[in-house]
Amino acid sequence: MNPQDIDIRTLLPQQPPVVMVDSLLAADMTTAETSLLVRSDNIFVEHGMLQAYALIENIAQTCAAQLGYVDKYIHGHDAVRIGYIGSIKNLKVEAAPKVGETLRTRITVLQDILDMKLVTAETFVGERLIASAEMKIALSGERIDV
């Protein structure tokens, strides 16, 4: 299935108002790309800017979208696994996105061992890199229907 045709909410354990990705642009076993339009009613917007901690959540939800895509569309499960941020390294935030800008976040799974994933992430506004990080995701054995 084309990732762009999937309702992102069917891949994520997060639900509004904390959903920090609008659509899944691409996904496979080791990568994913999502988009998010920064709206004024986003709970992480202050003074017309998306706060830096929201970029971390956007990266984590891009990881969740990739995991949900793999669970549902590659492995054929009905429910998605829940993951938790285990650690964040080398976080660099170059700019805070403004209301009206669209984020494009790409993750690449570097290691997938047992119930841990190590990913690198980059977030762009247009062609400008605004954030990057490495993140460890700890997967629980729990699955939820979304």
N, C-alpha and C. Protein backbone atom coordinates (compact mmCIF):
# COMPACT_ATOMS: atom_id res chain seq x y z
N MET A 1 0.84 -1.18 0.00
CA MET A 1 0.00 0.00 0.00
C MET A 1 0.88 1.24 0.00
N ASN A 2 0.45 2.26 -0.71
CA ASN A 2 1.17 3.53 -0.75
C ASN A 2 1.03 4.21 0.61
N PRO A 3 2.15 4.49 1.30
CA PRO A 3 2.07 5.12 2.62
C PRO A 3 1.27 6.42 2.64
N GLN A 4 1.28 7.16 1.55
CA GLN A 4 0.56 8.44 1.51
C GLN A 4 -0.96 8.26 1.56
N ASP A 5 -1.45 7.06 1.26
CA ASP A 5 -2.89 6.80 1.29
C ASP A 5 -3.39 6.34 2.66
N ILE A 6 -2.49 6.21 3.61
CA ILE A 6 -2.84 5.68 4.93
C ILE A 6 -3.19 6.83 5.88
N ASP A 7 -4.27 6.66 6.62
CA ASP A 7 -4.61 7.61 7.69
C ASP A 7 -3.59 7.42 8.80
N ILE A 8 -2.76 8.43 9.02
CA ILE A 8 -1.65 8.33 9.97
C ILE A 8 -2.13 7.92 11.36
N ARG A 9 -3.36 8.29 11.73
CA ARG A 9 -3.87 7.97 13.06
C ARG A 9 -4.04 6.47 13.27
N THR A 10 -4.08 5.69 12.18
CA THR A 10 -4.20 4.23 12.32
C THR A 10 -2.85 3.56 12.58
N LEU A 11 -1.78 4.36 12.58
CA LEU A 11 -0.44 3.83 12.81
C LEU A 11 0.14 4.23 14.16
N LEU A 12 -0.46 5.23 14.80
CA LEU A 12 0.12 5.84 15.99
C LEU A 12 -0.65 5.51 17.27
N PRO A 13 0.08 5.23 18.36
CA PRO A 13 -0.61 5.12 19.64
C PRO A 13 -1.05 6.50 20.17
N GLN A 14 -0.37 7.57 19.75
CA GLN A 14 -0.73 8.91 20.18
C GLN A 14 -2.05 9.33 19.52
N GLN A 15 -2.82 10.11 20.25
CA GLN A 15 -4.08 10.61 19.73
C GLN A 15 -4.16 12.12 19.99
N PRO A 16 -5.04 12.81 19.26
CA PRO A 16 -5.17 14.26 19.46
C PRO A 16 -5.43 14.58 20.94
N PRO A 17 -4.88 15.67 21.42
CA PRO A 17 -4.21 16.75 20.69
C PRO A 17 -2.71 16.59 20.58
N VAL A 18 -2.19 15.41 20.85
CA VAL A 18 -0.73 15.22 20.89
C VAL A 18 -0.18 14.62 19.60
N VAL A 19 -0.97 14.47 18.57
CA VAL A 19 -0.46 13.93 17.30
C VAL A 19 0.41 15.00 16.65
N MET A 20 1.66 14.64 16.37
CA MET A 20 2.65 15.58 15.85
C MET A 20 3.12 15.21 14.45
N VAL A 21 2.34 14.43 13.72
CA VAL A 21 2.59 14.14 12.31
C VAL A 21 1.24 14.16 11.59
N ASP A 22 1.21 14.74 10.40
CA ASP A 22 -0.03 14.80 9.62
C ASP A 22 -0.14 13.67 8.62
N SER A 23 0.98 13.32 8.00
CA SER A 23 0.92 12.27 6.97
C SER A 23 2.24 11.53 6.88
N LEU A 24 2.11 10.29 6.44
CA LEU A 24 3.26 9.44 6.17
C LEU A 24 3.57 9.56 4.69
N LEU A 25 4.72 10.12 4.36
CA LEU A 25 5.09 10.34 2.96
C LEU A 25 5.73 9.11 2.34
N ALA A 26 6.51 8.38 3.16
CA ALA A 26 7.21 7.18 2.67
C ALA A 26 7.55 6.32 3.88
N ALA A 27 7.62 5.00 3.66
CA ALA A 27 8.01 4.10 4.75
C ALA A 27 8.40 2.75 4.17
N ASP A 28 9.34 2.11 4.86
CA ASP A 28 9.72 0.73 4.56
C ASP A 28 10.30 0.14 5.84
N MET A 29 11.03 -0.95 5.73
CA MET A 29 11.56 -1.64 6.91
C MET A 29 12.57 -0.81 7.71
N THR A 30 13.24 0.14 7.08
CA THR A 30 14.29 0.87 7.78
C THR A 30 14.18 2.39 7.70
N THR A 31 13.20 2.93 7.00
CA THR A 31 13.10 4.38 6.87
C THR A 31 11.64 4.82 6.94
N ALA A 32 11.48 6.10 7.22
CA ALA A 32 10.15 6.72 7.13
C ALA A 32 10.34 8.21 6.96
N GLU A 33 9.35 8.83 6.34
CA GLU A 33 9.31 10.28 6.20
C GLU A 33 7.89 10.74 6.45
N THR A 34 7.75 11.75 7.32
CA THR A 34 6.44 12.30 7.64
C THR A 34 6.43 13.80 7.39
N SER A 35 5.21 14.36 7.39
CA SER A 35 5.08 15.81 7.31
C SER A 35 4.16 16.30 8.41
N LEU A 36 4.34 17.55 8.78
CA LEU A 36 3.50 18.21 9.78
C LEU A 36 3.40 19.68 9.44
N LEU A 37 2.19 20.16 9.24
CA LEU A 37 1.94 21.59 9.09
C LEU A 37 1.81 22.18 10.48
N VAL A 38 2.63 23.18 10.80
CA VAL A 38 2.58 23.82 12.11
C VAL A 38 1.38 24.76 12.13
N ARG A 39 0.41 24.43 12.98
CA ARG A 39 -0.82 25.21 13.09
C ARG A 39 -0.81 26.01 14.39
N SER A 40 -1.52 27.11 14.40
CA SER A 40 -1.56 27.98 15.58
C SER A 40 -2.20 27.29 16.78
N ASP A 41 -3.08 26.31 16.55
CA ASP A 41 -3.74 25.62 17.66
C ASP A 41 -2.95 24.41 18.17
N ASN A 42 -1.76 24.17 17.63
CA ASN A 42 -0.92 23.08 18.12
C ASN A 42 -0.55 23.35 19.58
N ILE A 43 -0.69 22.34 20.43
CA ILE A 43 -0.45 22.55 21.86
C ILE A 43 1.01 22.90 22.17
N PHE A 44 1.91 22.68 21.23
CA PHE A 44 3.33 22.99 21.44
C PHE A 44 3.76 24.31 20.81
N VAL A 45 2.81 25.10 20.32
CA VAL A 45 3.13 26.41 19.72
C VAL A 45 3.00 27.49 20.79
N GLU A 46 4.05 28.30 20.89
CA GLU A 46 4.04 29.47 21.77
C GLU A 46 4.58 30.65 20.99
N HIS A 47 3.86 31.76 21.03
CA HIS A 47 4.28 32.99 20.36
C HIS A 47 4.55 32.76 18.87
N GLY A 48 3.72 31.93 18.24
CA GLY A 48 3.83 31.70 16.81
C GLY A 48 4.94 30.76 16.38
N MET A 49 5.60 30.11 17.35
CA MET A 49 6.72 29.21 17.04
C MET A 49 6.48 27.84 17.70
N LEU A 50 6.87 26.79 16.97
CA LEU A 50 6.83 25.44 17.53
C LEU A 50 8.05 25.29 18.45
N GLN A 51 7.82 24.87 19.67
CA GLN A 51 8.90 24.77 20.64
C GLN A 51 9.82 23.58 20.34
N ALA A 52 11.07 23.69 20.78
CA ALA A 52 12.08 22.67 20.45
C ALA A 52 11.68 21.28 20.93
N TYR A 53 11.08 21.19 22.11
CA TYR A 53 10.70 19.86 22.62
C TYR A 53 9.66 19.20 21.72
N ALA A 54 8.90 19.99 20.96
CA ALA A 54 7.93 19.42 20.02
C ALA A 54 8.63 18.72 18.87
N LEU A 55 9.83 19.18 18.51
CA LEU A 55 10.59 18.51 17.45
C LEU A 55 10.99 17.11 17.89
N ILE A 56 11.30 16.94 19.17
CA ILE A 56 11.62 15.61 19.69
C ILE A 56 10.40 14.70 19.56
N GLU A 57 9.23 15.21 19.92
CA GLU A 57 8.01 14.42 19.81
C GLU A 57 7.69 14.10 18.36
N ASN A 58 7.94 15.04 17.46
CA ASN A 58 7.73 14.81 16.03
C ASN A 58 8.63 13.68 15.53
N ILE A 59 9.88 13.67 15.96
CA ILE A 59 10.80 12.60 15.58
C ILE A 59 10.31 11.26 16.14
N ALA A 60 9.92 11.26 17.42
CA ALA A 60 9.44 10.02 18.04
C ALA A 60 8.20 9.49 17.33
N GLN A 61 7.30 10.38 16.92
CA GLN A 61 6.10 9.93 16.23
C GLN A 61 6.39 9.49 14.80
N THR A 62 7.43 10.03 14.19
CA THR A 62 7.85 9.51 12.89
C THR A 62 8.34 8.08 13.06
N CYS A 63 9.07 7.82 14.16
CA CYS A 63 9.48 6.44 14.47
C CYS A 63 8.26 5.56 14.69
N ALA A 64 7.27 6.06 15.42
CA ALA A 64 6.05 5.29 15.67
C ALA A 64 5.30 5.00 14.38
N ALA A 65 5.27 5.97 13.47
CA ALA A 65 4.59 5.76 12.18
C ALA A 65 5.30 4.67 11.38
N GLN A 66 6.63 4.69 11.39
CA GLN A 66 7.39 3.65 10.67
C GLN A 66 7.11 2.29 11.28
N LEU A 67 7.13 2.21 12.60
CA LEU A 67 6.86 0.96 13.29
C LEU A 67 5.44 0.47 13.01
N GLY A 68 4.47 1.38 13.07
CA GLY A 68 3.09 1.01 12.77
C GLY A 68 2.91 0.54 11.34
N TYR A 69 3.60 1.20 10.40
CA TYR A 69 3.54 0.78 9.00
C TYR A 69 4.09 -0.63 8.84
N VAL A 70 5.24 -0.88 9.43
CA VAL A 70 5.85 -2.22 9.33
C VAL A 70 4.93 -3.26 9.98
N ASP A 71 4.43 -2.95 11.18
CA ASP A 71 3.54 -3.90 11.87
C ASP A 71 2.31 -4.23 11.03
N LYS A 72 1.63 -3.20 10.52
CA LYS A 72 0.35 -3.42 9.83
C LYS A 72 0.49 -3.84 8.37
N TYR A 73 1.37 -3.18 7.63
CA TYR A 73 1.38 -3.36 6.18
C TYR A 73 2.48 -4.28 5.67
N ILE A 74 3.47 -4.57 6.49
CA ILE A 74 4.50 -5.53 6.08
C ILE A 74 4.30 -6.86 6.80
N HIS A 75 4.06 -6.80 8.13
CA HIS A 75 3.89 -8.03 8.91
C HIS A 75 2.43 -8.47 9.04
N GLY A 76 1.48 -7.61 8.70
CA GLY A 76 0.07 -7.98 8.70
C GLY A 76 -0.62 -8.05 10.05
N HIS A 77 -0.08 -7.37 11.07
CA HIS A 77 -0.72 -7.35 12.38
C HIS A 77 -1.89 -6.37 12.38
N ASP A 78 -2.86 -6.62 13.24
CA ASP A 78 -4.00 -5.71 13.37
C ASP A 78 -3.70 -4.54 14.30
N ALA A 79 -2.77 -4.73 15.23
CA ALA A 79 -2.46 -3.72 16.23
C ALA A 79 -1.00 -3.29 16.10
N VAL A 80 -0.70 -2.12 16.65
CA VAL A 80 0.66 -1.58 16.58
C VAL A 80 1.33 -1.68 17.95
N ARG A 81 2.65 -1.83 17.92
CA ARG A 81 3.42 -1.87 19.16
C ARG A 81 3.61 -0.47 19.72
N ILE A 82 3.79 -0.43 21.01
CA ILE A 82 4.05 0.84 21.69
C ILE A 82 5.54 0.95 21.94
N GLY A 83 6.09 2.13 21.67
CA GLY A 83 7.49 2.40 21.92
C GLY A 83 7.65 3.62 22.81
N TYR A 84 8.78 3.69 23.48
CA TYR A 84 9.09 4.79 24.38
C TYR A 84 10.47 5.33 24.03
N ILE A 85 10.64 6.63 24.19
CA ILE A 85 11.96 7.22 23.97
C ILE A 85 12.89 6.70 25.06
N GLY A 86 13.95 6.00 24.64
CA GLY A 86 14.93 5.49 25.59
C GLY A 86 16.04 6.50 25.85
N SER A 87 16.50 7.15 24.79
CA SER A 87 17.51 8.19 24.93
C SER A 87 17.55 9.04 23.67
N ILE A 88 18.10 10.22 23.83
CA ILE A 88 18.30 11.14 22.71
C ILE A 88 19.75 11.60 22.78
N LYS A 89 20.46 11.52 21.65
CA LYS A 89 21.85 11.96 21.59
C LYS A 89 22.02 12.92 20.42
N ASN A 90 22.99 13.77 20.57
CA ASN A 90 23.41 14.68 19.49
C ASN A 90 22.25 15.49 18.92
N LEU A 91 21.35 15.92 19.79
CA LEU A 91 20.23 16.76 19.34
C LEU A 91 20.75 18.13 18.96
N LYS A 92 20.43 18.53 17.74
CA LYS A 92 20.79 19.87 17.26
C LYS A 92 19.52 20.51 16.72
N VAL A 93 19.16 21.66 17.28
CA VAL A 93 18.01 22.41 16.78
C VAL A 93 18.55 23.72 16.22
N GLU A 94 18.45 23.87 14.92
CA GLU A 94 18.99 25.04 14.22
C GLU A 94 18.00 26.19 14.16
N ALA A 95 16.70 25.87 14.17
CA ALA A 95 15.68 26.91 14.05
C ALA A 95 14.36 26.38 14.59
N ALA A 96 13.55 27.29 15.10
CA ALA A 96 12.19 26.93 15.54
C ALA A 96 11.23 27.20 14.39
N PRO A 97 10.46 26.20 13.99
CA PRO A 97 9.52 26.41 12.89
C PRO A 97 8.38 27.35 13.30
N LYS A 98 7.93 28.12 12.33
CA LYS A 98 6.85 29.08 12.56
C LYS A 98 5.51 28.49 12.14
N VAL A 99 4.46 29.04 12.71
CA VAL A 99 3.11 28.67 12.29
C VAL A 99 3.01 28.88 10.78
N GLY A 100 2.44 27.89 10.10
CA GLY A 100 2.29 27.95 8.64
C GLY A 100 3.38 27.20 7.89
N GLU A 101 4.48 26.88 8.57
CA GLU A 101 5.55 26.12 7.91
C GLU A 101 5.25 24.62 8.02
N THR A 102 5.76 23.87 7.05
CA THR A 102 5.58 22.42 7.03
C THR A 102 6.90 21.73 7.32
N LEU A 103 6.88 20.86 8.34
CA LEU A 103 8.06 20.05 8.68
C LEU A 103 8.03 18.78 7.85
N ARG A 104 9.19 18.35 7.46
CA ARG A 104 9.37 17.04 6.81
C ARG A 104 10.46 16.33 7.60
N THR A 105 10.10 15.23 8.25
CA THR A 105 11.02 14.52 9.13
C THR A 105 11.33 13.15 8.54
N ARG A 106 12.62 12.84 8.45
CA ARG A 106 13.08 11.54 7.94
C ARG A 106 13.81 10.80 9.05
N ILE A 107 13.49 9.53 9.20
CA ILE A 107 14.24 8.69 10.14
C ILE A 107 14.81 7.50 9.38
N THR A 108 15.96 7.05 9.87
CA THR A 108 16.59 5.84 9.35
C THR A 108 16.94 4.95 10.53
N VAL A 109 16.50 3.70 10.48
CA VAL A 109 16.82 2.74 11.54
C VAL A 109 18.24 2.24 11.30
N LEU A 110 19.12 2.51 12.26
CA LEU A 110 20.51 2.06 12.16
C LEU A 110 20.68 0.67 12.74
N GLN A 111 20.00 0.41 13.85
CA GLN A 111 20.05 -0.90 14.51
C GLN A 111 18.67 -1.25 15.02
N ASP A 112 18.34 -2.52 14.91
CA ASP A 112 17.07 -3.03 15.41
C ASP A 112 17.39 -4.35 16.10
N ILE A 113 17.64 -4.27 17.41
CA ILE A 113 18.08 -5.43 18.17
C ILE A 113 17.09 -5.68 19.30
N LEU A 114 16.52 -6.89 19.30
CA LEU A 114 15.53 -7.27 20.29
C LEU A 114 14.43 -6.22 20.33
N ASP A 115 14.25 -5.56 21.46
CA ASP A 115 13.18 -4.58 21.58
C ASP A 115 13.72 -3.15 21.62
N MET A 116 14.84 -2.91 20.96
CA MET A 116 15.44 -1.57 20.90
C MET A 116 15.71 -1.20 19.45
N LYS A 117 15.42 0.04 19.12
CA LYS A 117 15.76 0.58 17.80
C LYS A 117 16.62 1.81 18.00
N LEU A 118 17.67 1.92 17.21
CA LEU A 118 18.49 3.12 17.18
C LEU A 118 18.24 3.77 15.84
N VAL A 119 17.83 5.04 15.86
CA VAL A 119 17.52 5.75 14.62
C VAL A 119 18.27 7.07 14.56
N THR A 120 18.50 7.52 13.34
CA THR A 120 18.93 8.90 13.12
C THR A 120 17.74 9.63 12.53
N ALA A 121 17.68 10.92 12.80
CA ALA A 121 16.55 11.71 12.32
C ALA A 121 17.02 13.08 11.84
N GLU A 122 16.34 13.56 10.82
CA GLU A 122 16.56 14.91 10.31
C GLU A 122 15.20 15.53 10.04
N THR A 123 15.05 16.80 10.44
CA THR A 123 13.81 17.53 10.20
C THR A 123 14.13 18.76 9.37
N PHE A 124 13.34 18.95 8.34
CA PHE A 124 13.53 20.04 7.39
C PHE A 124 12.30 20.93 7.32
N VAL A 125 12.51 22.20 7.03
CA VAL A 125 11.47 23.10 6.55
C VAL A 125 11.94 23.50 5.16
N GLY A 126 11.21 23.09 4.14
CA GLY A 126 11.71 23.25 2.78
C GLY A 126 12.98 22.43 2.64
N GLU A 127 14.03 23.05 2.15
CA GLU A 127 15.33 22.36 2.02
C GLU A 127 16.26 22.64 3.20
N ARG A 128 15.79 23.44 4.16
CA ARG A 128 16.62 23.85 5.29
C ARG A 128 16.52 22.84 6.43
N LEU A 129 17.67 22.28 6.83
CA LEU A 129 17.73 21.38 7.98
C LEU A 129 17.54 22.20 9.24
N ILE A 130 16.51 21.88 10.03
CA ILE A 130 16.28 22.65 11.25
C ILE A 130 16.56 21.84 12.52
N ALA A 131 16.60 20.50 12.41
CA ALA A 131 16.89 19.68 13.59
C ALA A 131 17.43 18.32 13.17
N SER A 132 18.25 17.75 14.03
CA SER A 132 18.75 16.39 13.81
C SER A 132 19.04 15.76 15.17
N ALA A 133 19.01 14.44 15.21
CA ALA A 133 19.24 13.73 16.47
C ALA A 133 19.42 12.25 16.20
N GLU A 134 19.94 11.57 17.21
CA GLU A 134 19.90 10.11 17.29
C GLU A 134 18.94 9.78 18.42
N MET A 135 18.13 8.76 18.24
CA MET A 135 17.16 8.40 19.26
C MET A 135 17.13 6.89 19.41
N LYS A 136 17.07 6.45 20.67
CA LYS A 136 16.82 5.03 20.95
C LYS A 136 15.36 4.90 21.34
N ILE A 137 14.70 3.93 20.74
CA ILE A 137 13.30 3.64 21.04
C ILE A 137 13.24 2.27 21.69
N ALA A 138 12.65 2.21 22.88
CA ALA A 138 12.44 0.94 23.57
C ALA A 138 11.01 0.49 23.27
N LEU A 139 10.88 -0.73 22.75
CA LEU A 139 9.56 -1.26 22.40
C LEU A 139 9.02 -2.12 23.52
N SER A 140 7.77 -1.89 23.86
CA SER A 140 7.13 -2.75 24.85
C SER A 140 6.53 -3.95 24.12
N GLY A 141 6.16 -4.95 24.84
CA GLY A 141 5.50 -6.10 24.23
C GLY A 141 4.03 -5.83 23.96
N GLU A 142 3.56 -4.69 24.43
CA GLU A 142 2.15 -4.34 24.31
C GLU A 142 1.81 -3.85 22.90
N ARG A 143 0.64 -4.25 22.43
CA ARG A 143 0.10 -3.78 21.15
C ARG A 143 -1.26 -3.15 21.42
N ILE A 144 -1.57 -2.11 20.63
CA ILE A 144 -2.89 -1.49 20.77
C ILE A 144 -3.54 -1.37 19.41
N ASP A 145 -4.86 -1.49 19.41
CA ASP A 145 -5.64 -1.26 18.19
C ASP A 145 -5.86 0.23 18.05
N VAL A 146 -5.54 0.75 16.88
CA VAL A 146 -5.79 2.18 16.62
C VAL A 146 -6.59 2.33 15.35
